[in-house]
Amino acid sequence: MTQKIALVTGGSRGLGKDMALTLATQGSDIIVTYYTQKEQAENVVQLIKKMGRRAHAIQLDVRNASNVAPFATKVKAILKDVFATTKLDYLINNAGIGNYEPIPNTTEESLDNLYNIHFKSVFLLAKEFSPVINEGGAILNVSSGFSRFSAVGYAAYGALKGAVDTLTRYQALEFAPLKIRVNSIAPGAIETDFSGGIVRDNADINKMVASQTALGRTGQPDDIGAVAAFLVSDAAKWINGQRIEVSGGIYL
């Protein structure tokens, strides 16, 4: 069986880290990206190597679209030099930032930054890497529960994640001739350092979220990583163009 290789953006911490580790546990080799947390990314690489898998970390700043093409060139070189191949199997577009800004406080600069990170990079990375993803491979875009429900302060973030869900359907259609599936995964509130760790570290927020969730608790990173690994795997080979919410049933 051909060895699978996954590229996980934002894989140094939080959900991306758990996705990378879960995929490695299931037998994939991994490339993770980081923005500033190089040491954390290298720690993830070492954990993966201890599993007997190959891994590599590479810096990526998704705030600037001009970084995408040079990044793709570097990844292709890594595939050749480290993994002895020219192809990927899975691209997981996970890199992102938390943002709390009510509409009156949202500046044009902030809006542009969120657009570049949460939508433009997702579009361009899939464009760059779709030609080097093996037939039967998959792209997974990370959306958010905020693309379904609304909360004050998340207008720009939620709207852009909604755009990612729509983009996912178009990518699924256009990449189908390449035999590449594309889906989006929409986490609910998860206990990570995302948005300053508000769900993890603020007891009142944590309790409120749990009270609004059918399963009665907030999410953990491994609630997401396992589903992400499933959606890119052959076990999900007939799931395509879908938004899968993984939230424990929040705001049903």
C-alpha atoms as a PDB file:
ATOM      1  CA  MET A   1       0.000   0.000   0.000  1.00  0.00           C
ATOM      2  CA  THR A   2       1.325   3.423  -0.967  1.00  0.00           C
ATOM      3  CA  GLN A   3       2.319   5.582   1.999  1.00  0.00           C
ATOM      4  CA  LYS A   4      -0.050   8.529   2.544  1.00  0.00           C
ATOM      5  CA  ILE A   5       1.333  12.046   3.041  1.00  0.00           C
ATOM      6  CA  ALA A   6      -0.661  14.883   4.594  1.00  0.00           C
ATOM      7  CA  LEU A   7       0.018  18.621   4.627  1.00  0.00           C
ATOM      8  CA  VAL A   8      -1.596  20.261   7.669  1.00  0.00           C
ATOM      9  CA  THR A   9      -1.428  24.049   7.839  1.00  0.00           C
ATOM     10  CA  GLY A  10      -1.306  25.501  11.327  1.00  0.00           C
ATOM     11  CA  GLY A  11      -0.185  22.131  12.617  1.00  0.00           C
ATOM     12  CA  SER A  12       2.029  23.316  15.473  1.00  0.00           C
ATOM     13  CA  ARG A  13      -0.741  23.685  18.060  1.00  0.00           C
ATOM     14  CA  GLY A  14      -4.430  23.267  18.841  1.00  0.00           C
ATOM     15  CA  LEU A  15      -6.658  21.487  16.384  1.00  0.00           C
ATOM     16  CA  GLY A  16      -3.997  21.285  13.686  1.00  0.00           C
ATOM     17  CA  LYS A  17      -1.602  19.526  16.042  1.00  0.00           C
ATOM     18  CA  ASP A  18      -4.218  16.960  16.985  1.00  0.00           C
ATOM     19  CA  MET A  19      -5.130  16.412  13.332  1.00  0.00           C
ATOM     20  CA  ALA A  20      -1.473  15.839  12.460  1.00  0.00           C
ATOM     21  CA  LEU A  21      -0.890  13.443  15.359  1.00  0.00           C
ATOM     22  CA  THR A  22      -4.090  11.506  14.668  1.00  0.00           C
ATOM     23  CA  LEU A  23      -3.217  11.108  10.999  1.00  0.00           C
ATOM     24  CA  ALA A  24       0.266   9.941  11.963  1.00  0.00           C
ATOM     25  CA  THR A  25      -1.214   7.439  14.422  1.00  0.00           C
ATOM     26  CA  GLN A  26      -3.243   6.072  11.525  1.00  0.00           C
ATOM     27  CA  GLY A  27      -0.127   5.685   9.382  1.00  0.00           C
ATOM     28  CA  SER A  28       0.340   8.908   7.422  1.00  0.00           C
ATOM     29  CA  ASP A  29       3.541  10.880   7.028  1.00  0.00           C
ATOM     30  CA  ILE A  30       3.059  14.549   7.848  1.00  0.00           C
ATOM     31  CA  ILE A  31       4.149  18.026   6.798  1.00  0.00           C
ATOM     32  CA  VAL A  32       3.031  20.694   9.269  1.00  0.00           C
ATOM     33  CA  THR A  33       3.213  24.440   8.866  1.00  0.00           C
ATOM     34  CA  TYR A  34       3.675  27.077  11.512  1.00  0.00           C
ATOM     35  CA  TYR A  35       3.686  30.867  11.489  1.00  0.00           C
ATOM     36  CA  THR A  36       5.783  31.839  14.532  1.00  0.00           C
ATOM     37  CA  GLN A  37       5.757  28.734  16.738  1.00  0.00           C
ATOM     38  CA  LYS A  38       8.736  26.929  15.211  1.00  0.00           C
ATOM     39  CA  GLU A  39       9.689  25.148  18.422  1.00  0.00           C
ATOM     40  CA  GLN A  40       6.154  23.827  18.908  1.00  0.00           C
ATOM     41  CA  ALA A  41       6.090  22.651  15.283  1.00  0.00           C
ATOM     42  CA  GLU A  42       9.389  20.827  15.729  1.00  0.00           C
ATOM     43  CA  ASN A  43       7.988  19.169  18.859  1.00  0.00           C
ATOM     44  CA  VAL A  44       5.080  17.885  16.770  1.00  0.00           C
ATOM     45  CA  VAL A  45       7.568  16.574  14.209  1.00  0.00           C
ATOM     46  CA  GLN A  46       9.478  14.711  16.916  1.00  0.00           C
ATOM     47  CA  LEU A  47       6.277  13.168  18.305  1.00  0.00           C
ATOM     48  CA  ILE A  48       5.381  11.939  14.824  1.00  0.00           C
ATOM     49  CA  LYS A  49       8.846  10.522  14.223  1.00  0.00           C
ATOM     50  CA  LYS A  50       8.599   8.590  17.502  1.00  0.00           C
ATOM     51  CA  MET A  51       5.581   6.854  15.963  1.00  0.00           C
ATOM     52  CA  GLY A  52       7.808   5.624  13.147  1.00  0.00           C
ATOM     53  CA  ARG A  53       6.416   8.084  10.624  1.00  0.00           C
ATOM     54  CA  ARG A  54       8.239  10.725   8.613  1.00  0.00           C
ATOM     55  CA  ALA A  55       7.537  14.384   9.332  1.00  0.00           C
ATOM     56  CA  HIS A  56       8.728  17.867   8.465  1.00  0.00           C
ATOM     57  CA  ALA A  57       7.849  21.407   9.583  1.00  0.00           C
ATOM     58  CA  ILE A  58       7.867  24.479   7.333  1.00  0.00           C
ATOM     59  CA  GLN A  59       7.014  28.123   7.983  1.00  0.00           C
ATOM     60  CA  LEU A  60       3.977  29.659   6.246  1.00  0.00           C
ATOM     61  CA  ASP A  61       2.450  33.111   6.650  1.00  0.00           C
ATOM     62  CA  VAL A  62      -1.046  32.952   5.150  1.00  0.00           C
ATOM     63  CA  ARG A  63      -1.650  36.672   5.705  1.00  0.00           C
ATOM     64  CA  ASN A  64       0.028  37.484   2.400  1.00  0.00           C
ATOM     65  CA  ALA A  65      -1.065  35.783  -0.819  1.00  0.00           C
ATOM     66  CA  SER A  66       2.381  36.295  -2.372  1.00  0.00           C
ATOM     67  CA  ASN A  67       3.723  33.692   0.073  1.00  0.00           C
ATOM     68  CA  VAL A  68       1.613  30.854  -1.309  1.00  0.00           C
ATOM     69  CA  ALA A  69       3.416  30.093  -4.580  1.00  0.00           C
ATOM     70  CA  PRO A  70       6.935  30.136  -3.043  1.00  0.00           C
ATOM     71  CA  PHE A  71       5.624  27.967  -0.210  1.00  0.00           C
ATOM     72  CA  ALA A  72       4.253  25.445  -2.707  1.00  0.00           C
ATOM     73  CA  THR A  73       7.637  25.329  -4.419  1.00  0.00           C
ATOM     74  CA  LYS A  74       9.336  24.612  -1.077  1.00  0.00           C
ATOM     75  CA  VAL A  75       6.842  21.866  -0.244  1.00  0.00           C
ATOM     76  CA  LYS A  76       7.421  20.205  -3.601  1.00  0.00           C
ATOM     77  CA  ALA A  77      11.154  20.202  -2.878  1.00  0.00           C
ATOM     78  CA  ILE A  78      10.505  18.699   0.570  1.00  0.00           C
ATOM     79  CA  LEU A  79       8.337  15.993  -0.978  1.00  0.00           C
ATOM     80  CA  LYS A  80      11.222  15.069  -3.258  1.00  0.00           C
ATOM     81  CA  ASP A  81      14.082  15.360  -0.756  1.00  0.00           C
ATOM     82  CA  VAL A  82      12.457  14.110   2.462  1.00  0.00           C
ATOM     83  CA  PHE A  83       9.657  11.846   1.280  1.00  0.00           C
ATOM     84  CA  ALA A  84      11.079  10.666  -2.086  1.00  0.00           C
ATOM     85  CA  THR A  85       7.897  11.474  -3.979  1.00  0.00           C
ATOM     86  CA  THR A  86       6.269  14.227  -6.003  1.00  0.00           C
ATOM     87  CA  LYS A  87       2.748  13.800  -4.637  1.00  0.00           C
ATOM     88  CA  LEU A  88       0.609  14.574  -1.600  1.00  0.00           C
ATOM     89  CA  ASP A  89      -2.521  12.728  -0.538  1.00  0.00           C
ATOM     90  CA  TYR A  90      -4.221  15.136   1.859  1.00  0.00           C
ATOM     91  CA  LEU A  91      -4.287  18.918   2.246  1.00  0.00           C
ATOM     92  CA  ILE A  92      -5.876  20.215   5.454  1.00  0.00           C
ATOM     93  CA  ASN A  93      -6.431  23.983   5.419  1.00  0.00           C
ATOM     94  CA  ASN A  94      -6.458  24.606   9.154  1.00  0.00           C
ATOM     95  CA  ALA A  95      -4.312  27.731   9.694  1.00  0.00           C
ATOM     96  CA  GLY A  96      -6.300  30.590  11.212  1.00  0.00           C
ATOM     97  CA  ILE A  97      -6.711  33.101  13.986  1.00  0.00           C
ATOM     98  CA  GLY A  98      -9.452  33.845  16.473  1.00  0.00           C
ATOM     99  CA  ASN A  99     -11.120  37.213  16.230  1.00  0.00           C
ATOM    100  CA  TYR A 100     -13.637  39.047  18.373  1.00  0.00           C
ATOM    101  CA  GLU A 101     -14.709  42.394  16.885  1.00  0.00           C
ATOM    102  CA  PRO A 102     -18.254  43.730  16.759  1.00  0.00           C
ATOM    103  CA  ILE A 103     -19.054  45.219  13.357  1.00  0.00           C
ATOM    104  CA  PRO A 104     -18.665  48.883  14.465  1.00  0.00           C
ATOM    105  CA  ASN A 105     -15.150  48.108  15.724  1.00  0.00           C
ATOM    106  CA  THR A 106     -13.984  46.154  12.679  1.00  0.00           C
ATOM    107  CA  THR A 107     -11.443  48.108  10.645  1.00  0.00           C
ATOM    108  CA  GLU A 108     -10.826  47.609   6.945  1.00  0.00           C
ATOM    109  CA  GLU A 109      -7.324  46.398   7.798  1.00  0.00           C
ATOM    110  CA  SER A 110      -8.700  43.775  10.185  1.00  0.00           C
ATOM    111  CA  LEU A 111     -11.276  42.652   7.632  1.00  0.00           C
ATOM    112  CA  ASP A 112      -8.618  42.299   4.928  1.00  0.00           C
ATOM    113  CA  ASN A 113      -6.399  40.316   7.297  1.00  0.00           C
ATOM    114  CA  LEU A 114      -9.200  37.899   8.136  1.00  0.00           C
ATOM    115  CA  TYR A 115     -10.062  37.545   4.439  1.00  0.00           C
ATOM    116  CA  ASN A 116      -6.470  36.725   3.540  1.00  0.00           C
ATOM    117  CA  ILE A 117      -6.071  34.179   6.326  1.00  0.00           C
ATOM    118  CA  HIS A 118      -9.445  32.458   6.331  1.00  0.00           C
ATOM    119  CA  PHE A 119     -10.518  32.568   2.688  1.00  0.00           C
ATOM    120  CA  LYS A 120      -7.888  33.699   0.198  1.00  0.00           C
ATOM    121  CA  SER A 121      -5.220  31.311   1.452  1.00  0.00           C
ATOM    122  CA  VAL A 122      -7.705  28.426   1.413  1.00  0.00           C
ATOM    123  CA  PHE A 123      -8.534  29.208  -2.215  1.00  0.00           C
ATOM    124  CA  LEU A 124      -4.920  29.611  -3.322  1.00  0.00           C
ATOM    125  CA  LEU A 125      -3.433  26.664  -1.437  1.00  0.00           C
ATOM    126  CA  ALA A 126      -5.970  24.306  -2.994  1.00  0.00           C
ATOM    127  CA  LYS A 127      -5.248  25.832  -6.402  1.00  0.00           C
ATOM    128  CA  GLU A 128      -1.490  25.304  -5.958  1.00  0.00           C
ATOM    129  CA  PHE A 129      -1.623  21.794  -4.546  1.00  0.00           C
ATOM    130  CA  SER A 130      -4.522  20.159  -6.402  1.00  0.00           C
ATOM    131  CA  PRO A 131      -2.219  19.217  -9.314  1.00  0.00           C
ATOM    132  CA  VAL A 132       0.086  17.300  -6.959  1.00  0.00           C
ATOM    133  CA  ILE A 133      -2.561  15.490  -4.898  1.00  0.00           C
ATOM    134  CA  ASN A 134      -2.872  11.816  -5.778  1.00  0.00           C
ATOM    135  CA  GLU A 135      -6.074  10.435  -7.250  1.00  0.00           C
ATOM    136  CA  GLY A 136      -8.281   9.367  -4.385  1.00  0.00           C
ATOM    137  CA  GLY A 137      -6.812  12.104  -2.207  1.00  0.00           C
ATOM    138  CA  ALA A 138      -8.688  14.778  -0.302  1.00  0.00           C
ATOM    139  CA  ILE A 139      -8.758  18.406   0.736  1.00  0.00           C
ATOM    140  CA  LEU A 140     -10.316  19.365   4.055  1.00  0.00           C
ATOM    141  CA  ASN A 141     -11.141  23.002   4.810  1.00  0.00           C
ATOM    142  CA  VAL A 142     -11.654  24.041   8.421  1.00  0.00           C
ATOM    143  CA  SER A 143     -14.834  26.085   8.822  1.00  0.00           C
ATOM    144  CA  SER A 144     -16.610  26.985  12.069  1.00  0.00           C
ATOM    145  CA  GLY A 145     -19.879  26.650  13.919  1.00  0.00           C
ATOM    146  CA  PHE A 146     -20.146  30.425  13.417  1.00  0.00           C
ATOM    147  CA  SER A 147     -20.965  29.791   9.757  1.00  0.00           C
ATOM    148  CA  ARG A 148     -24.290  28.313  10.942  1.00  0.00           C
ATOM    149  CA  PHE A 149     -25.182  30.314  14.071  1.00  0.00           C
ATOM    150  CA  SER A 150     -24.468  33.924  14.962  1.00  0.00           C
ATOM    151  CA  ALA A 151     -22.910  35.717  17.939  1.00  0.00           C
ATOM    152  CA  VAL A 152     -22.009  39.356  18.448  1.00  0.00           C
ATOM    153  CA  GLY A 153     -18.364  39.958  17.608  1.00  0.00           C
ATOM    154  CA  TYR A 154     -17.934  37.234  15.010  1.00  0.00           C
ATOM    155  CA  ALA A 155     -19.526  38.767  11.913  1.00  0.00           C
ATOM    156  CA  ALA A 156     -16.411  38.911   9.736  1.00  0.00           C
ATOM    157  CA  TYR A 157     -15.022  35.607  10.981  1.00  0.00           C
ATOM    158  CA  GLY A 158     -18.319  33.745  10.643  1.00  0.00           C
ATOM    159  CA  ALA A 159     -19.123  35.207   7.225  1.00  0.00           C
ATOM    160  CA  LEU A 160     -15.723  34.204   5.883  1.00  0.00           C
ATOM    161  CA  LYS A 161     -16.120  30.695   7.268  1.00  0.00           C
ATOM    162  CA  GLY A 162     -19.490  30.591   5.485  1.00  0.00           C
ATOM    163  CA  ALA A 163     -17.638  31.527   2.321  1.00  0.00           C
ATOM    164  CA  VAL A 164     -15.262  28.622   2.946  1.00  0.00           C
ATOM    165  CA  ASP A 165     -18.231  26.248   3.108  1.00  0.00           C
ATOM    166  CA  THR A 166     -19.455  27.552  -0.241  1.00  0.00           C
ATOM    167  CA  LEU A 167     -15.966  27.398  -1.739  1.00  0.00           C
ATOM    168  CA  THR A 168     -15.720  23.792  -0.577  1.00  0.00           C
ATOM    169  CA  ARG A 169     -18.656  22.800  -2.768  1.00  0.00           C
ATOM    170  CA  TYR A 170     -17.130  24.514  -5.801  1.00  0.00           C
ATOM    171  CA  GLN A 171     -13.762  22.895  -5.165  1.00  0.00           C
ATOM    172  CA  ALA A 172     -15.445  19.504  -4.837  1.00  0.00           C
ATOM    173  CA  LEU A 173     -17.050  20.045  -8.233  1.00  0.00           C
ATOM    174  CA  GLU A 174     -13.989  21.374 -10.043  1.00  0.00           C
ATOM    175  CA  PHE A 175     -11.483  18.932  -8.554  1.00  0.00           C
ATOM    176  CA  ALA A 176     -13.708  15.909  -9.153  1.00  0.00           C
ATOM    177  CA  PRO A 177     -12.055  15.157 -12.522  1.00  0.00           C
ATOM    178  CA  LEU A 178      -8.783  14.848 -10.590  1.00  0.00           C
ATOM    179  CA  LYS A 179     -10.490  12.327  -8.265  1.00  0.00           C
ATOM    180  CA  ILE A 180      -9.931  14.642  -5.290  1.00  0.00           C
ATOM    181  CA  ARG A 181     -12.665  14.967  -2.676  1.00  0.00           C
ATOM    182  CA  VAL A 182     -13.209  18.238  -0.817  1.00  0.00           C
ATOM    183  CA  ASN A 183     -15.163  18.723   2.411  1.00  0.00           C
ATOM    184  CA  SER A 184     -15.278  21.243   5.234  1.00  0.00           C
ATOM    185  CA  ILE A 185     -15.290  20.499   8.951  1.00  0.00           C
ATOM    186  CA  ALA A 186     -16.959  22.982  11.295  1.00  0.00           C
ATOM    187  CA  PRO A 187     -15.790  22.699  14.910  1.00  0.00           C
ATOM    188  CA  GLY A 188     -17.851  24.091  17.748  1.00  0.00           C
ATOM    189  CA  ALA A 189     -16.257  25.617  20.858  1.00  0.00           C
ATOM    190  CA  ILE A 190     -13.070  23.692  21.644  1.00  0.00           C
ATOM    191  CA  GLU A 191     -10.746  23.899  24.638  1.00  0.00           C
ATOM    192  CA  THR A 192      -7.535  25.153  22.986  1.00  0.00           C
ATOM    193  CA  ASP A 193      -5.513  28.373  23.088  1.00  0.00           C
ATOM    194  CA  PHE A 194      -7.563  29.678  20.140  1.00  0.00           C
ATOM    195  CA  SER A 195      -8.889  33.221  20.745  1.00  0.00           C
ATOM    196  CA  GLY A 196      -6.653  33.516  23.758  1.00  0.00           C
ATOM    197  CA  GLY A 197      -7.920  30.252  25.237  1.00  0.00           C
ATOM    198  CA  ILE A 198     -11.297  31.778  26.098  1.00  0.00           C
ATOM    199  CA  VAL A 199     -13.226  28.483  26.071  1.00  0.00           C
ATOM    200  CA  ARG A 200     -10.490  26.569  27.871  1.00  0.00           C
ATOM    201  CA  ASP A 201      -9.532  29.158  30.494  1.00  0.00           C
ATOM    202  CA  ASN A 202     -12.694  31.177  31.207  1.00  0.00           C
ATOM    203  CA  ALA A 203     -14.857  29.096  33.538  1.00  0.00           C
ATOM    204  CA  ASP A 204     -17.995  31.163  32.889  1.00  0.00           C
ATOM    205  CA  ILE A 205     -17.650  30.887  29.098  1.00  0.00           C
ATOM    206  CA  ASN A 206     -16.909  27.182  29.387  1.00  0.00           C
ATOM    207  CA  LYS A 207     -20.011  26.619  31.519  1.00  0.00           C
ATOM    208  CA  MET A 208     -22.202  28.680  29.173  1.00  0.00           C
ATOM    209  CA  VAL A 209     -21.042  26.777  26.097  1.00  0.00           C
ATOM    210  CA  ALA A 210     -21.558  23.424  27.820  1.00  0.00           C
ATOM    211  CA  SER A 211     -25.082  24.446  28.823  1.00  0.00           C
ATOM    212  CA  GLN A 212     -25.949  25.200  25.173  1.00  0.00           C
ATOM    213  CA  THR A 213     -24.480  21.955  23.849  1.00  0.00           C
ATOM    214  CA  ALA A 214     -26.672  18.857  23.642  1.00  0.00           C
ATOM    215  CA  LEU A 215     -23.918  16.571  24.919  1.00  0.00           C
ATOM    216  CA  GLY A 216     -23.353  18.849  27.894  1.00  0.00           C
ATOM    217  CA  ARG A 217     -19.699  19.775  27.577  1.00  0.00           C
ATOM    218  CA  THR A 218     -17.230  21.792  25.520  1.00  0.00           C
ATOM    219  CA  GLY A 219     -15.136  20.133  22.840  1.00  0.00           C
ATOM    220  CA  GLN A 220     -11.614  18.729  23.095  1.00  0.00           C
ATOM    221  CA  PRO A 221      -9.022  18.760  20.285  1.00  0.00           C
ATOM    222  CA  ASP A 222      -9.287  14.991  19.825  1.00  0.00           C
ATOM    223  CA  ASP A 223     -13.020  15.407  19.166  1.00  0.00           C
ATOM    224  CA  ILE A 224     -11.972  17.177  15.972  1.00  0.00           C
ATOM    225  CA  GLY A 225      -8.765  15.405  14.969  1.00  0.00           C
ATOM    226  CA  ALA A 226     -10.420  12.005  14.717  1.00  0.00           C
ATOM    227  CA  VAL A 227     -13.178  13.320  12.441  1.00  0.00           C
ATOM    228  CA  ALA A 228     -10.692  15.207  10.253  1.00  0.00           C
ATOM    229  CA  ALA A 229      -8.616  12.048   9.822  1.00  0.00           C
ATOM    230  CA  PHE A 230     -11.748  10.092   8.905  1.00  0.00           C
ATOM    231  CA  LEU A 231     -12.924  12.645   6.336  1.00  0.00           C
ATOM    232  CA  VAL A 232      -9.688  12.571   4.344  1.00  0.00           C
ATOM    233  CA  SER A 233      -9.344   8.791   4.588  1.00  0.00           C
ATOM    234  CA  ASP A 234     -10.579   6.145   2.174  1.00  0.00           C
ATOM    235  CA  ALA A 235     -13.255   5.268   4.744  1.00  0.00           C
ATOM    236  CA  ALA A 236     -14.988   8.512   3.716  1.00  0.00           C
ATOM    237  CA  LYS A 237     -14.499   7.976  -0.018  1.00  0.00           C
ATOM    238  CA  TRP A 238     -18.165   8.734  -0.823  1.00  0.00           C
ATOM    239  CA  ILE A 239     -18.385  11.949   1.210  1.00  0.00           C
ATOM    240  CA  ASN A 240     -17.774  14.943  -1.034  1.00  0.00           C
ATOM    241  CA  GLY A 241     -18.723  18.625  -1.048  1.00  0.00           C
ATOM    242  CA  GLN A 242     -20.131  18.452   2.481  1.00  0.00           C
ATOM    243  CA  ARG A 243     -19.968  20.641   5.573  1.00  0.00           C
ATOM    244  CA  ILE A 244     -19.627  18.400   8.627  1.00  0.00           C
ATOM    245  CA  GLU A 245     -20.263  20.163  11.926  1.00  0.00           C
ATOM    246  CA  VAL A 246     -18.434  18.660  14.906  1.00  0.00           C
ATOM    247  CA  SER A 247     -19.853  20.543  17.874  1.00  0.00           C
ATOM    248  CA  GLY A 248     -21.560  18.074  20.180  1.00  0.00           C
ATOM    249  CA  GLY A 249     -24.876  19.566  19.075  1.00  0.00           C
ATOM    250  CA  ILE A 250     -24.517  23.222  20.060  1.00  0.00           C
ATOM    251  CA  TYR A 251     -27.554  25.470  19.480  1.00  0.00           C
ATOM    252  CA  LEU A 252     -29.686  22.713  17.947  1.00  0.00           C
END
